[in-house]
Amino acid sequence: MWSGEFDSKVLYVQTHGVADPGRSATPFFLAASAAAMDCEVMIYFTMYGPTLLQRDVVDKIGPKGDRGQPLRHFIEQATNLGVRLLVCQPSLDLNDLSLDGLIDGVDMIGGAAFNDLALNADAVISF
């Protein structure tokens, strides 16, 4: 799944979801930073992570008050720089979600594909 065009490959793994909003923006921010450094970057959403990608959630999660941007800002920043968003099928089932209920641009992969990505990444970082 890695393209081979980039020298460095970074895979972020997001396991936290809407129940832990304080952990939602950082993977997107770091992924955008790595993409801006000419790395190939993917974020894999597993366990409760897919709940962050729901169409009706990305504008509701953000800092308290007016002190920052909603989650959508960080997602768009990352994806506009080429970060790919990947989701785990069993985790969709775990959270009673479907791919159709998620934001555009999310691809579903299985466990073997994730393991292949992890084995071929230069760095795997988990949240």
N, C-alpha and C. Protein backbone atom coordinates (compact mmCIF):
# COMPACT_ATOMS: atom_id res chain seq x y z
N MET A 1 0.79 -1.19 0.00
CA MET A 1 0.00 0.00 0.00
C MET A 1 0.84 1.27 0.00
N TRP A 2 2.07 1.18 0.47
CA TRP A 2 2.95 2.35 0.41
C TRP A 2 3.30 2.59 -1.04
N SER A 3 3.41 3.83 -1.44
CA SER A 3 3.61 4.15 -2.86
C SER A 3 5.05 3.98 -3.32
N GLY A 4 6.00 4.15 -2.42
CA GLY A 4 7.40 4.06 -2.82
C GLY A 4 7.98 5.37 -3.31
N GLU A 5 7.16 6.41 -3.40
CA GLU A 5 7.64 7.71 -3.87
C GLU A 5 8.41 8.48 -2.82
N PHE A 6 8.21 8.16 -1.55
CA PHE A 6 8.77 8.94 -0.45
C PHE A 6 9.90 8.18 0.22
N ASP A 7 10.82 8.93 0.82
CA ASP A 7 11.93 8.32 1.53
C ASP A 7 11.49 7.75 2.88
N SER A 8 10.57 8.45 3.56
CA SER A 8 10.13 8.03 4.89
C SER A 8 8.64 7.77 4.90
N LYS A 9 8.26 6.75 5.68
CA LYS A 9 6.86 6.35 5.80
C LYS A 9 6.50 6.34 7.29
N VAL A 10 5.42 7.06 7.64
CA VAL A 10 4.99 7.14 9.03
C VAL A 10 3.55 6.66 9.12
N LEU A 11 3.29 5.74 10.04
CA LEU A 11 1.96 5.21 10.27
C LEU A 11 1.54 5.57 11.69
N TYR A 12 0.46 6.34 11.80
CA TYR A 12 -0.12 6.68 13.10
C TYR A 12 -1.30 5.74 13.33
N VAL A 13 -1.49 5.33 14.57
CA VAL A 13 -2.58 4.45 14.93
C VAL A 13 -3.42 5.17 15.98
N GLN A 14 -4.69 5.44 15.64
CA GLN A 14 -5.59 6.15 16.55
C GLN A 14 -6.58 5.16 17.14
N THR A 15 -6.50 4.94 18.46
CA THR A 15 -7.39 4.00 19.14
C THR A 15 -8.46 4.70 19.97
N HIS A 16 -8.30 5.98 20.25
CA HIS A 16 -9.25 6.73 21.08
C HIS A 16 -10.29 7.40 20.20
N GLY A 17 -11.49 7.55 20.74
CA GLY A 17 -12.58 8.11 19.95
C GLY A 17 -13.25 9.28 20.63
N VAL A 18 -14.53 9.44 20.34
CA VAL A 18 -15.29 10.61 20.81
C VAL A 18 -15.38 10.68 22.34
N ALA A 19 -15.24 9.57 23.02
CA ALA A 19 -15.30 9.58 24.48
C ALA A 19 -14.06 10.20 25.10
N ASP A 20 -13.01 10.40 24.31
CA ASP A 20 -11.76 10.99 24.79
C ASP A 20 -11.32 12.09 23.82
N PRO A 21 -12.08 13.19 23.74
CA PRO A 21 -11.81 14.22 22.73
C PRO A 21 -10.45 14.89 22.85
N GLY A 22 -9.86 14.87 24.03
CA GLY A 22 -8.54 15.47 24.21
C GLY A 22 -7.45 14.78 23.42
N ARG A 23 -7.71 13.56 22.96
CA ARG A 23 -6.73 12.80 22.18
C ARG A 23 -7.08 12.76 20.70
N SER A 24 -7.97 13.64 20.26
CA SER A 24 -8.46 13.53 18.89
C SER A 24 -7.63 14.29 17.86
N ALA A 25 -7.18 15.49 18.14
CA ALA A 25 -6.53 16.32 17.13
C ALA A 25 -5.05 16.02 16.93
N THR A 26 -4.37 15.58 17.96
CA THR A 26 -2.91 15.41 17.89
C THR A 26 -2.44 14.50 16.76
N PRO A 27 -3.04 13.33 16.55
CA PRO A 27 -2.56 12.50 15.43
C PRO A 27 -2.67 13.19 14.08
N PHE A 28 -3.75 13.96 13.87
CA PHE A 28 -3.91 14.68 12.61
C PHE A 28 -2.86 15.79 12.48
N PHE A 29 -2.61 16.51 13.57
CA PHE A 29 -1.61 17.58 13.57
C PHE A 29 -0.22 17.03 13.27
N LEU A 30 0.14 15.94 13.95
CA LEU A 30 1.46 15.34 13.72
C LEU A 30 1.56 14.73 12.32
N ALA A 31 0.49 14.12 11.85
CA ALA A 31 0.49 13.55 10.51
C ALA A 31 0.67 14.64 9.46
N ALA A 32 -0.01 15.77 9.65
CA ALA A 32 0.15 16.90 8.72
C ALA A 32 1.58 17.40 8.74
N SER A 33 2.17 17.48 9.91
CA SER A 33 3.56 17.92 10.02
C SER A 33 4.50 16.98 9.28
N ALA A 34 4.30 15.67 9.46
CA ALA A 34 5.14 14.69 8.77
C ALA A 34 4.95 14.77 7.26
N ALA A 35 3.71 14.95 6.81
CA ALA A 35 3.45 15.08 5.37
C ALA A 35 4.13 16.33 4.81
N ALA A 36 4.12 17.40 5.57
CA ALA A 36 4.78 18.63 5.14
C ALA A 36 6.30 18.46 5.06
N MET A 37 6.81 17.45 5.76
CA MET A 37 8.24 17.13 5.72
C MET A 37 8.54 16.10 4.63
N ASP A 38 7.62 15.94 3.69
CA ASP A 38 7.76 15.02 2.56
C ASP A 38 7.83 13.55 2.96
N CYS A 39 7.08 13.20 4.00
CA CYS A 39 6.93 11.79 4.37
C CYS A 39 5.60 11.29 3.82
N GLU A 40 5.53 10.01 3.54
CA GLU A 40 4.25 9.39 3.21
C GLU A 40 3.60 9.01 4.54
N VAL A 41 2.36 9.43 4.72
CA VAL A 41 1.73 9.31 6.04
C VAL A 41 0.33 8.71 5.92
N MET A 42 0.04 7.80 6.86
CA MET A 42 -1.29 7.22 6.97
C MET A 42 -1.68 7.21 8.43
N ILE A 43 -2.99 7.36 8.69
CA ILE A 43 -3.53 7.19 10.03
C ILE A 43 -4.51 6.04 9.98
N TYR A 44 -4.31 5.06 10.84
CA TYR A 44 -5.16 3.88 10.92
C TYR A 44 -6.03 4.00 12.16
N PHE A 45 -7.33 3.93 11.98
CA PHE A 45 -8.30 4.09 13.06
C PHE A 45 -8.82 2.72 13.45
N THR A 46 -8.56 2.34 14.70
CA THR A 46 -8.99 1.04 15.20
C THR A 46 -9.58 1.22 16.59
N MET A 47 -10.14 0.19 17.13
CA MET A 47 -10.85 0.20 18.41
C MET A 47 -11.93 1.29 18.38
N TYR A 48 -11.77 2.37 19.14
CA TYR A 48 -12.78 3.44 19.18
C TYR A 48 -12.44 4.60 18.25
N GLY A 49 -11.29 4.56 17.62
CA GLY A 49 -10.86 5.62 16.72
C GLY A 49 -11.82 5.96 15.60
N PRO A 50 -12.49 4.97 14.98
CA PRO A 50 -13.40 5.30 13.89
C PRO A 50 -14.54 6.25 14.27
N THR A 51 -14.86 6.33 15.56
CA THR A 51 -15.94 7.24 15.96
C THR A 51 -15.59 8.69 15.68
N LEU A 52 -14.31 9.01 15.58
CA LEU A 52 -13.88 10.39 15.27
C LEU A 52 -14.16 10.78 13.83
N LEU A 53 -14.37 9.80 12.98
CA LEU A 53 -14.53 10.07 11.55
C LEU A 53 -15.98 10.16 11.11
N GLN A 54 -16.90 10.13 12.03
CA GLN A 54 -18.32 10.23 11.69
C GLN A 54 -18.64 11.61 11.13
N ARG A 55 -19.41 11.64 10.08
CA ARG A 55 -19.78 12.91 9.43
C ARG A 55 -20.38 13.91 10.41
N ASP A 56 -21.20 13.44 11.33
CA ASP A 56 -21.89 14.35 12.25
C ASP A 56 -21.09 14.66 13.51
N VAL A 57 -19.83 14.25 13.58
CA VAL A 57 -19.02 14.45 14.77
C VAL A 57 -17.88 15.44 14.56
N VAL A 58 -17.32 15.49 13.37
CA VAL A 58 -16.07 16.24 13.15
C VAL A 58 -16.19 17.74 13.43
N ASP A 59 -17.37 18.29 13.38
CA ASP A 59 -17.54 19.72 13.70
C ASP A 59 -17.89 19.95 15.16
N LYS A 60 -18.23 18.88 15.88
CA LYS A 60 -18.65 19.00 17.28
C LYS A 60 -17.50 18.82 18.27
N ILE A 61 -16.43 18.15 17.83
CA ILE A 61 -15.30 17.89 18.73
C ILE A 61 -14.28 19.00 18.56
N GLY A 62 -13.86 19.54 19.66
CA GLY A 62 -12.86 20.60 19.63
C GLY A 62 -12.57 21.08 21.03
N PRO A 63 -11.75 22.10 21.14
CA PRO A 63 -11.40 22.62 22.47
C PRO A 63 -12.60 23.29 23.13
N LYS A 64 -12.49 23.45 24.42
CA LYS A 64 -13.56 24.11 25.17
C LYS A 64 -13.58 25.60 24.82
N GLY A 65 -14.77 26.12 24.65
CA GLY A 65 -14.90 27.55 24.36
C GLY A 65 -14.42 27.88 22.96
N ASP A 66 -13.88 29.06 22.79
CA ASP A 66 -13.42 29.53 21.48
C ASP A 66 -11.90 29.52 21.38
N ARG A 67 -11.25 28.57 22.03
CA ARG A 67 -9.79 28.57 22.09
C ARG A 67 -9.10 27.77 21.00
N GLY A 68 -9.80 27.35 19.99
CA GLY A 68 -9.15 26.57 18.94
C GLY A 68 -10.11 26.13 17.87
N GLN A 69 -9.62 25.25 17.04
CA GLN A 69 -10.36 24.79 15.87
C GLN A 69 -11.08 23.47 16.15
N PRO A 70 -12.18 23.21 15.43
CA PRO A 70 -12.83 21.90 15.55
C PRO A 70 -11.98 20.82 14.88
N LEU A 71 -12.29 19.59 15.17
CA LEU A 71 -11.55 18.46 14.62
C LEU A 71 -11.48 18.51 13.10
N ARG A 72 -12.55 18.93 12.45
CA ARG A 72 -12.57 19.01 10.98
C ARG A 72 -11.36 19.80 10.44
N HIS A 73 -10.98 20.87 11.11
CA HIS A 73 -9.83 21.69 10.67
C HIS A 73 -8.57 20.83 10.58
N PHE A 74 -8.31 20.02 11.60
CA PHE A 74 -7.10 19.20 11.63
C PHE A 74 -7.16 18.06 10.62
N ILE A 75 -8.35 17.50 10.43
CA ILE A 75 -8.53 16.45 9.43
C ILE A 75 -8.25 17.00 8.04
N GLU A 76 -8.84 18.15 7.72
CA GLU A 76 -8.65 18.74 6.39
C GLU A 76 -7.21 19.18 6.17
N GLN A 77 -6.59 19.71 7.21
CA GLN A 77 -5.18 20.10 7.11
C GLN A 77 -4.33 18.88 6.73
N ALA A 78 -4.57 17.76 7.40
CA ALA A 78 -3.80 16.54 7.13
C ALA A 78 -4.09 15.98 5.74
N THR A 79 -5.36 15.83 5.42
CA THR A 79 -5.71 15.21 4.13
C THR A 79 -5.33 16.10 2.95
N ASN A 80 -5.37 17.41 3.13
CA ASN A 80 -4.93 18.31 2.06
C ASN A 80 -3.44 18.19 1.77
N LEU A 81 -2.69 17.68 2.75
CA LEU A 81 -1.25 17.45 2.56
C LEU A 81 -0.96 16.02 2.11
N GLY A 82 -2.02 15.24 1.87
CA GLY A 82 -1.83 13.89 1.34
C GLY A 82 -1.90 12.77 2.35
N VAL A 83 -2.22 13.06 3.60
CA VAL A 83 -2.35 12.00 4.60
C VAL A 83 -3.55 11.13 4.26
N ARG A 84 -3.34 9.82 4.26
CA ARG A 84 -4.43 8.87 3.98
C ARG A 84 -5.04 8.40 5.28
N LEU A 85 -6.37 8.27 5.29
CA LEU A 85 -7.11 7.81 6.46
C LEU A 85 -7.61 6.40 6.20
N LEU A 86 -7.26 5.48 7.10
CA LEU A 86 -7.61 4.08 6.96
C LEU A 86 -8.40 3.63 8.19
N VAL A 87 -9.38 2.77 7.98
CA VAL A 87 -10.20 2.31 9.09
C VAL A 87 -10.26 0.79 9.11
N CYS A 88 -10.36 0.25 10.30
CA CYS A 88 -10.43 -1.19 10.56
C CYS A 88 -11.88 -1.66 10.50
N GLN A 89 -12.17 -2.64 9.67
CA GLN A 89 -13.54 -3.15 9.53
C GLN A 89 -14.12 -3.65 10.85
N PRO A 90 -13.44 -4.50 11.62
CA PRO A 90 -14.04 -4.96 12.88
C PRO A 90 -14.32 -3.80 13.85
N SER A 91 -13.53 -2.74 13.77
CA SER A 91 -13.77 -1.59 14.64
C SER A 91 -15.01 -0.82 14.22
N LEU A 92 -15.33 -0.84 12.94
CA LEU A 92 -16.60 -0.25 12.51
C LEU A 92 -17.75 -1.03 13.15
N ASP A 93 -17.67 -2.35 13.09
CA ASP A 93 -18.70 -3.20 13.70
C ASP A 93 -18.79 -2.96 15.20
N LEU A 94 -17.64 -2.86 15.87
CA LEU A 94 -17.59 -2.64 17.31
C LEU A 94 -18.36 -1.39 17.71
N ASN A 95 -18.30 -0.36 16.87
CA ASN A 95 -18.93 0.93 17.17
C ASN A 95 -20.26 1.14 16.44
N ASP A 96 -20.80 0.08 15.86
CA ASP A 96 -22.05 0.16 15.10
C ASP A 96 -22.00 1.23 14.02
N LEU A 97 -20.90 1.27 13.28
CA LEU A 97 -20.70 2.25 12.22
C LEU A 97 -20.59 1.54 10.87
N SER A 98 -20.76 2.31 9.81
CA SER A 98 -20.51 1.81 8.46
C SER A 98 -19.63 2.82 7.75
N LEU A 99 -18.98 2.39 6.71
CA LEU A 99 -18.10 3.28 5.93
C LEU A 99 -18.91 4.45 5.37
N ASP A 100 -20.16 4.23 5.03
CA ASP A 100 -21.01 5.29 4.49
C ASP A 100 -21.27 6.41 5.48
N GLY A 101 -21.19 6.13 6.78
CA GLY A 101 -21.43 7.15 7.79
C GLY A 101 -20.21 7.98 8.14
N LEU A 102 -19.07 7.65 7.50
CA LEU A 102 -17.82 8.37 7.79
C LEU A 102 -17.59 9.48 6.77
N ILE A 103 -16.68 10.37 7.09
CA ILE A 103 -16.33 11.45 6.18
C ILE A 103 -15.76 10.86 4.89
N ASP A 104 -15.78 11.64 3.83
CA ASP A 104 -15.25 11.19 2.54
C ASP A 104 -13.74 10.96 2.63
N GLY A 105 -13.27 10.01 1.84
CA GLY A 105 -11.83 9.79 1.71
C GLY A 105 -11.26 8.75 2.65
N VAL A 106 -12.09 8.06 3.41
CA VAL A 106 -11.61 7.03 4.32
C VAL A 106 -11.64 5.69 3.60
N ASP A 107 -10.54 4.94 3.68
CA ASP A 107 -10.46 3.61 3.08
C ASP A 107 -10.46 2.55 4.18
N MET A 108 -11.10 1.43 3.90
CA MET A 108 -11.16 0.33 4.86
C MET A 108 -10.10 -0.70 4.50
N ILE A 109 -9.37 -1.17 5.51
CA ILE A 109 -8.40 -2.24 5.30
C ILE A 109 -8.56 -3.29 6.40
N GLY A 110 -8.01 -4.46 6.16
CA GLY A 110 -8.06 -5.55 7.12
C GLY A 110 -6.77 -5.65 7.92
N GLY A 111 -6.75 -6.62 8.79
CA GLY A 111 -5.60 -6.81 9.67
C GLY A 111 -4.31 -7.13 8.95
N ALA A 112 -4.37 -7.95 7.91
CA ALA A 112 -3.15 -8.30 7.17
C ALA A 112 -2.57 -7.06 6.49
N ALA A 113 -3.44 -6.21 5.92
CA ALA A 113 -2.96 -4.99 5.27
C ALA A 113 -2.33 -4.04 6.30
N PHE A 114 -2.95 -3.94 7.48
CA PHE A 114 -2.36 -3.10 8.52
C PHE A 114 -0.99 -3.61 8.92
N ASN A 115 -0.88 -4.92 9.13
CA ASN A 115 0.41 -5.49 9.52
C ASN A 115 1.47 -5.25 8.45
N ASP A 116 1.09 -5.34 7.20
CA ASP A 116 2.02 -5.06 6.12
C ASP A 116 2.48 -3.60 6.16
N LEU A 117 1.54 -2.68 6.39
CA LEU A 117 1.90 -1.27 6.51
C LEU A 117 2.87 -1.05 7.67
N ALA A 118 2.56 -1.66 8.81
CA ALA A 118 3.39 -1.48 9.99
C ALA A 118 4.80 -2.05 9.78
N LEU A 119 4.89 -3.20 9.13
CA LEU A 119 6.19 -3.81 8.89
C LEU A 119 7.06 -3.00 7.92
N ASN A 120 6.41 -2.25 7.05
CA ASN A 120 7.14 -1.48 6.06
C ASN A 120 7.27 0.00 6.37
N ALA A 121 6.73 0.43 7.50
CA ALA A 121 6.83 1.83 7.91
C ALA A 121 8.17 2.08 8.58
N ASP A 122 8.63 3.32 8.47
CA ASP A 122 9.84 3.73 9.18
C ASP A 122 9.54 4.06 10.64
N ALA A 123 8.28 4.44 10.90
CA ALA A 123 7.85 4.73 12.26
C ALA A 123 6.37 4.41 12.39
N VAL A 124 6.01 3.80 13.53
CA VAL A 124 4.61 3.53 13.87
C VAL A 124 4.37 4.19 15.22
N ILE A 125 3.41 5.10 15.26
CA ILE A 125 3.15 5.89 16.47
C ILE A 125 1.68 5.69 16.84
N SER A 126 1.44 5.37 18.10
CA SER A 126 0.09 5.04 18.53
C SER A 126 -0.46 6.06 19.52
N PHE A 127 -1.75 6.35 19.35
CA PHE A 127 -2.49 7.25 20.25
C PHE A 127 -3.70 6.52 20.79
